[in-house]
Amino acid sequence: MLLQNNNYIIGVDGGGTKTVAALADLKGKILKLGESGSSSSTNVGIKKATENVAKAIKKILPKRGKILLTLIGLPAVKERPELIKKVKKELLKKEEISVISRGKLEIVSDQVVAFRSGTDEKFGVILISGTGCVSHGWRKEKEAHASGWGWLADEGSGFWVGQKVYQAIWKDLDSRGPKTLLTELVFKKFKIKQKKDLINLVYLKNPILIVPQFSKVCDQAAQKGDEIARNIMDESGRELALAAITVIKKLNFQKNRFPLVLVGSTFRSKIIVNALKKEIKKLAPQAEFIQPKPEPVIGAIKLALEQIHNYGKTH
């Protein structure tokens, strides 16, 4: 019988900035959460990404009992399926989490994990925007995808916004462009006193981790009425909407009611959310916008429970 007190599942939600692991019982109750750094192989490489997954899992391992299934959602595996085998191989080498090798280990796209964090429906659209961004959708046997090609693209994402902020600040400092509150707020937040400090902040550290942090400052400046910041945030919303709209069109959802789940730190900005909703509603007025309150890792737990349930039916 599968439902025993000492049996557990693990769900992992990997992202460009952080990785969250959850230990749950077989009723889906989350017992423990663990967090570590980026598990995006695009951003930090396979070795570091795997290390961060292992680090998050290690924090939540039970002292006794059996892990029946570990389900890990990772960025970029939909676009680069060969990553699944490579990450699995690296993970199973980790002695500190060897207990997970006694059960099943599944690696899936962070897109399906994020989608299921907001709905129990099997069909609909996910729009993720944190450091990077991506949109994906499912309708019966069809799937569609847009954006998610790495931080040099991913228009509308936190990195994209941060890059626009960085450019606007230098235009201000050089007098090549208008004055902007962004300069003052970024200098204050990061304790910058000279121009060279700004360069060092971005280029001597990891730009992928630093640049997206400018997006929060951009939202603050926009709310204070800065036109440059406001334009960046509005454009971010429109770009993210374009990714979702592309998927909606491919799946012919325009006239249907369907869940559109918004996951990621970018959607903490009301300006961005309002701009993207306005664009999407023009095309798909019945889209049901969902911003999940729980951590997206709940989607990994839901998927793991479904697999356990299906396994129980066939054994």
Protein backbone atom coordinates (compact mmCIF):
# COMPACT_ATOMS: atom_id res chain seq x y z
CA MET A 1 0.00 0.00 0.00
CA LEU A 2 1.49 3.34 -1.04
CA LEU A 3 -0.14 5.58 1.56
CA GLN A 4 2.17 5.06 4.51
CA ASN A 5 3.27 7.68 7.04
CA ASN A 6 6.95 7.28 6.22
CA ASN A 7 6.56 7.70 2.46
CA TYR A 8 7.21 11.08 0.87
CA ILE A 9 7.48 12.93 -2.41
CA ILE A 10 9.78 15.80 -3.36
CA GLY A 11 8.93 18.59 -5.77
CA VAL A 12 11.47 21.07 -7.08
CA ASP A 13 10.84 24.33 -8.92
CA GLY A 14 14.03 25.52 -10.61
CA GLY A 15 14.49 29.04 -11.90
CA GLY A 16 16.94 31.60 -13.18
CA THR A 17 17.39 33.22 -9.78
CA LYS A 18 16.42 30.61 -7.21
CA THR A 19 15.54 26.96 -6.75
CA VAL A 20 12.86 25.83 -4.29
CA ALA A 21 12.44 22.23 -3.11
CA ALA A 22 9.47 20.93 -1.15
CA LEU A 23 9.01 17.75 0.88
CA ALA A 24 5.39 16.60 0.98
CA ASP A 25 3.38 13.67 2.29
CA LEU A 26 1.21 11.61 -0.03
CA LYS A 27 -1.78 13.84 0.64
CA GLY A 28 0.11 16.76 -0.84
CA LYS A 29 0.78 18.57 2.43
CA ILE A 30 4.08 20.43 2.23
CA LEU A 31 6.18 19.58 5.27
CA LYS A 32 9.39 21.45 4.54
CA LEU A 33 10.82 23.97 2.04
CA GLY A 34 14.45 24.44 1.01
CA GLU A 35 15.94 27.15 -1.17
CA SER A 36 19.16 27.63 -3.10
CA GLY A 37 20.49 29.60 -6.09
CA SER A 38 19.86 29.43 -9.82
CA SER A 39 19.24 26.08 -11.50
CA SER A 40 19.14 27.48 -15.00
CA SER A 41 21.87 25.73 -16.97
CA THR A 42 21.67 28.59 -19.49
CA ASN A 43 22.64 31.06 -16.78
CA VAL A 44 25.08 29.14 -14.58
CA GLY A 45 25.97 25.94 -16.47
CA ILE A 46 24.87 22.34 -15.86
CA LYS A 47 27.30 21.64 -13.01
CA LYS A 48 26.31 24.67 -10.93
CA ALA A 49 22.62 24.24 -11.74
CA THR A 50 22.75 20.63 -10.55
CA GLU A 51 24.64 21.63 -7.41
CA ASN A 52 21.91 24.11 -6.54
CA VAL A 53 19.17 21.52 -7.09
CA ALA A 54 21.04 19.12 -4.81
CA LYS A 55 21.57 21.87 -2.22
CA ALA A 56 17.83 22.67 -2.08
CA ILE A 57 16.89 18.98 -1.85
CA LYS A 58 19.43 18.30 0.91
CA LYS A 59 17.74 20.95 3.09
CA ILE A 60 14.41 19.11 3.09
CA LEU A 61 15.36 15.42 3.29
CA PRO A 62 13.53 13.59 6.09
CA LYS A 63 15.53 11.86 8.83
CA ARG A 64 13.76 8.60 8.06
CA GLY A 65 11.31 7.23 5.53
CA LYS A 66 11.30 6.66 1.79
CA ILE A 67 11.20 9.14 -1.08
CA LEU A 68 8.87 7.52 -3.59
CA LEU A 69 9.26 10.16 -6.28
CA THR A 70 11.31 13.28 -6.86
CA LEU A 71 9.91 15.55 -9.59
CA ILE A 72 12.08 18.45 -10.70
CA GLY A 73 10.98 21.29 -12.95
CA LEU A 74 13.88 23.04 -14.69
CA PRO A 75 14.24 25.91 -17.17
CA ALA A 76 15.23 25.23 -20.78
CA VAL A 77 14.60 21.45 -20.79
CA LYS A 78 11.67 21.93 -23.15
CA GLU A 79 13.94 23.73 -25.60
CA ARG A 80 16.96 21.48 -24.90
CA PRO A 81 15.67 17.99 -23.96
CA GLU A 82 19.20 16.57 -23.87
CA LEU A 83 19.63 18.45 -20.57
CA ILE A 84 17.36 15.97 -18.79
CA LYS A 85 19.79 13.06 -19.14
CA LYS A 86 22.78 15.23 -18.25
CA VAL A 87 21.18 16.68 -15.11
CA LYS A 88 19.91 13.25 -13.98
CA LYS A 89 23.38 11.79 -14.37
CA GLU A 90 24.95 14.62 -12.36
CA LEU A 91 22.29 14.46 -9.65
CA LEU A 92 22.66 10.73 -9.08
CA LYS A 93 26.36 11.27 -8.40
CA LYS A 94 25.56 13.43 -5.38
CA GLU A 95 26.08 11.33 -2.25
CA GLU A 96 24.41 13.88 0.01
CA ILE A 97 21.05 13.26 -1.71
CA SER A 98 21.56 9.61 -2.67
CA VAL A 99 18.34 8.71 -0.83
CA ILE A 100 16.31 10.05 -3.79
CA SER A 101 17.83 7.42 -6.08
CA ARG A 102 15.82 4.73 -4.26
CA GLY A 103 12.61 6.14 -5.73
CA LYS A 104 11.66 7.51 -9.14
CA LEU A 105 13.36 10.63 -10.46
CA GLU A 106 11.55 12.75 -13.03
CA ILE A 107 12.77 15.96 -14.66
CA VAL A 108 10.20 18.06 -16.49
CA SER A 109 9.93 21.59 -17.83
CA ASP A 110 9.48 24.39 -15.31
CA GLN A 111 6.69 25.56 -17.62
CA VAL A 112 4.31 22.72 -16.78
CA VAL A 113 5.22 23.00 -13.09
CA ALA A 114 4.41 26.72 -13.12
CA PHE A 115 1.15 26.16 -15.01
CA ARG A 116 -0.09 23.55 -12.55
CA SER A 117 0.78 25.80 -9.61
CA GLY A 118 -2.12 28.00 -10.65
CA THR A 119 -4.72 25.55 -11.93
CA ASP A 120 -5.81 21.93 -11.94
CA GLU A 121 -6.80 22.25 -15.60
CA LYS A 122 -4.71 20.30 -18.09
CA PHE A 123 -5.19 22.82 -20.91
CA GLY A 124 -4.37 26.53 -21.02
CA VAL A 125 -1.42 28.93 -21.17
CA ILE A 126 1.48 29.72 -18.84
CA LEU A 127 3.44 32.97 -18.97
CA ILE A 128 6.59 32.95 -16.83
CA SER A 129 8.66 36.06 -16.29
CA GLY A 130 11.48 36.35 -13.79
CA THR A 131 15.10 36.71 -14.87
CA GLY A 132 14.00 35.35 -18.25
CA CYS A 133 10.55 34.72 -19.71
CA VAL A 134 8.65 32.13 -21.69
CA SER A 135 5.11 31.29 -22.70
CA HIS A 136 3.75 27.82 -23.33
CA GLY A 137 0.31 26.38 -23.91
CA TRP A 138 -1.51 23.08 -24.18
CA ARG A 139 -4.78 22.20 -25.91
CA LYS A 140 -5.66 18.53 -26.29
CA GLU A 141 -2.84 17.01 -28.33
CA LYS A 142 -1.36 20.34 -29.36
CA GLU A 143 1.37 22.39 -27.69
CA ALA A 144 2.71 25.83 -28.53
CA HIS A 145 5.68 27.83 -27.32
CA ALA A 146 7.04 31.37 -27.59
CA SER A 147 10.07 33.19 -26.19
CA GLY A 148 12.37 31.53 -23.64
CA TRP A 149 15.52 31.71 -25.76
CA GLY A 150 17.86 33.03 -23.11
CA TRP A 151 18.64 36.33 -21.45
CA LEU A 152 19.97 38.01 -24.63
CA ALA A 153 16.41 37.74 -25.96
CA ASP A 154 13.44 37.11 -23.59
CA GLU A 155 11.87 40.49 -24.23
CA GLY A 156 9.83 41.78 -21.30
CA SER A 157 11.71 39.74 -18.67
CA GLY A 158 13.46 41.03 -15.56
CA PHE A 159 16.81 40.94 -17.35
CA TRP A 160 15.37 42.79 -20.34
CA VAL A 161 13.89 45.50 -18.08
CA GLY A 162 17.16 45.75 -16.15
CA GLN A 163 19.11 46.14 -19.39
CA LYS A 164 16.80 48.97 -20.48
CA VAL A 165 17.33 50.63 -17.10
CA TYR A 166 21.11 50.35 -17.41
CA GLN A 167 21.00 51.91 -20.87
CA ALA A 168 18.72 54.74 -19.72
CA ILE A 169 21.04 55.56 -16.81
CA TRP A 170 24.07 55.85 -19.08
CA LYS A 171 22.16 58.05 -21.53
CA ASP A 172 21.27 60.27 -18.57
CA LEU A 173 24.86 60.35 -17.25
CA ASP A 174 26.27 61.09 -20.72
CA SER A 175 23.59 63.67 -21.54
CA ARG A 176 22.71 61.53 -24.58
CA GLY A 177 19.18 61.17 -23.28
CA PRO A 178 16.70 62.66 -20.81
CA LYS A 179 17.21 62.86 -17.06
CA THR A 180 15.61 59.98 -15.21
CA LEU A 181 14.88 59.12 -11.59
CA LEU A 182 16.30 55.68 -12.36
CA THR A 183 19.83 57.04 -11.98
CA GLU A 184 19.24 58.34 -8.47
CA LEU A 185 17.36 55.25 -7.29
CA VAL A 186 19.86 52.73 -8.66
CA PHE A 187 22.80 54.68 -7.21
CA LYS A 188 21.04 54.81 -3.84
CA LYS A 189 19.96 51.16 -3.75
CA PHE A 190 23.39 49.80 -4.70
CA LYS A 191 25.35 52.43 -2.77
CA ILE A 192 27.02 53.71 -5.94
CA LYS A 193 29.02 56.95 -5.68
CA GLN A 194 30.90 57.09 -8.98
CA LYS A 195 30.25 55.98 -12.56
CA LYS A 196 32.94 53.33 -12.33
CA ASP A 197 31.09 51.75 -9.38
CA LEU A 198 28.12 51.10 -11.64
CA ILE A 199 30.34 49.44 -14.24
CA ASN A 200 32.04 47.33 -11.58
CA LEU A 201 28.69 46.31 -10.08
CA VAL A 202 27.50 44.89 -13.39
CA TYR A 203 30.64 43.62 -15.08
CA LEU A 204 32.83 42.42 -12.22
CA LYS A 205 30.05 40.31 -10.75
CA ASN A 206 27.50 38.13 -12.56
CA PRO A 207 25.38 40.37 -14.85
CA ILE A 208 22.68 37.69 -15.04
CA LEU A 209 22.13 38.02 -11.29
CA ILE A 210 22.67 41.79 -10.98
CA VAL A 211 20.88 43.28 -14.01
CA PRO A 212 17.39 41.84 -13.25
CA GLN A 213 17.52 43.57 -9.86
CA PHE A 214 17.24 46.91 -11.66
CA SER A 215 13.70 45.96 -12.71
CA LYS A 216 12.36 46.47 -9.18
CA VAL A 217 13.88 49.95 -9.13
CA CYS A 218 12.26 50.62 -12.49
CA ASP A 219 8.83 49.79 -11.07
CA GLN A 220 9.44 52.15 -8.13
CA ALA A 221 10.52 54.97 -10.44
CA ALA A 222 7.50 54.39 -12.68
CA GLN A 223 5.16 54.60 -9.71
CA LYS A 224 6.80 57.91 -8.76
CA GLY A 225 5.92 59.27 -12.20
CA ASP A 226 9.22 58.87 -14.06
CA GLU A 227 8.31 58.78 -17.75
CA ILE A 228 11.37 56.77 -18.87
CA ALA A 229 10.70 54.08 -16.26
CA ARG A 230 6.99 54.04 -17.04
CA ASN A 231 7.67 53.51 -20.74
CA ILE A 232 10.02 50.61 -19.98
CA MET A 233 7.44 48.90 -17.76
CA ASP A 234 4.63 49.44 -20.26
CA GLU A 235 6.79 48.02 -23.05
CA SER A 236 7.66 45.04 -20.85
CA GLY A 237 3.95 44.32 -20.40
CA ARG A 238 3.34 44.54 -24.14
CA GLU A 239 6.29 42.28 -24.96
CA LEU A 240 5.15 39.66 -22.46
CA ALA A 241 1.63 39.91 -23.85
CA LEU A 242 3.01 39.29 -27.34
CA ALA A 243 4.59 36.02 -26.16
CA ALA A 244 1.28 34.87 -24.66
CA ILE A 245 -0.75 36.08 -27.66
CA THR A 246 1.50 34.09 -30.01
CA VAL A 247 0.70 30.93 -28.06
CA ILE A 248 -3.00 31.78 -27.83
CA LYS A 249 -3.20 32.16 -31.60
CA LYS A 250 -1.34 28.92 -32.29
CA LEU A 251 -3.79 27.03 -30.07
CA ASN A 252 -6.83 28.97 -31.31
CA PHE A 253 -7.92 30.00 -27.82
CA GLN A 254 -9.10 33.47 -28.92
CA LYS A 255 -12.82 32.82 -28.43
CA ASN A 256 -12.55 30.37 -25.55
CA ARG A 257 -12.42 30.60 -21.78
CA PHE A 258 -9.04 29.24 -20.62
CA PRO A 259 -6.64 29.70 -17.69
CA LEU A 260 -3.69 32.01 -18.33
CA VAL A 261 -1.32 31.55 -15.40
CA LEU A 262 1.18 34.33 -14.63
CA VAL A 263 4.21 33.21 -12.64
CA GLY A 264 7.39 35.10 -11.76
CA SER A 265 8.72 38.15 -9.94
CA THR A 266 8.03 40.46 -12.90
CA PHE A 267 4.30 40.19 -12.23
CA ARG A 268 4.67 41.91 -8.87
CA SER A 269 4.47 45.09 -10.94
CA LYS A 270 0.89 46.23 -11.39
CA ILE A 271 2.01 48.39 -14.30
CA ILE A 272 3.31 45.37 -16.22
CA VAL A 273 0.30 43.21 -15.36
CA ASN A 274 -2.18 45.91 -16.38
CA ALA A 275 -0.36 46.54 -19.67
CA LEU A 276 -0.25 42.85 -20.63
CA LYS A 277 -3.89 42.24 -19.61
CA LYS A 278 -5.00 45.15 -21.77
CA GLU A 279 -3.22 43.71 -24.82
CA ILE A 280 -4.34 40.11 -24.29
CA LYS A 281 -8.00 41.02 -23.69
CA LYS A 282 -8.13 42.64 -27.13
CA LEU A 283 -7.55 39.20 -28.64
CA ALA A 284 -8.86 36.79 -25.99
CA PRO A 285 -11.49 38.51 -23.81
CA GLN A 286 -12.35 35.28 -21.96
CA ALA A 287 -8.82 34.58 -20.77
CA GLU A 288 -8.87 33.85 -17.04
CA PHE A 289 -5.78 35.48 -15.51
CA ILE A 290 -4.38 33.57 -12.54
CA GLN A 291 -1.51 34.70 -10.32
CA PRO A 292 -0.87 31.82 -7.91
CA LYS A 293 -0.39 32.78 -4.27
CA PRO A 294 1.55 29.68 -3.21
CA GLU A 295 5.13 29.06 -4.32
CA PRO A 296 5.21 27.61 -7.87
CA VAL A 297 6.78 24.47 -6.35
CA ILE A 298 3.22 23.38 -5.46
CA GLY A 299 2.87 22.58 -9.17
CA ALA A 300 5.70 20.04 -8.89
CA ILE A 301 3.99 18.47 -5.88
CA LYS A 302 0.70 18.21 -7.80
CA LEU A 303 2.42 16.53 -10.76
CA ALA A 304 4.32 14.15 -8.45
CA LEU A 305 1.06 13.14 -6.72
CA GLU A 306 -0.57 12.43 -10.07
CA GLN A 307 2.33 10.17 -11.04
CA ILE A 308 2.18 8.34 -7.70
CA HIS A 309 -1.57 7.91 -8.10
CA ASN A 310 -1.22 6.57 -11.64
CA TYR A 311 1.60 4.27 -10.53
CA GLY A 312 -0.62 2.92 -7.76
CA LYS A 313 -3.36 2.14 -10.27
CA THR A 314 -1.06 0.03 -12.41
CA HIS A 315 0.70 -1.85 -9.58
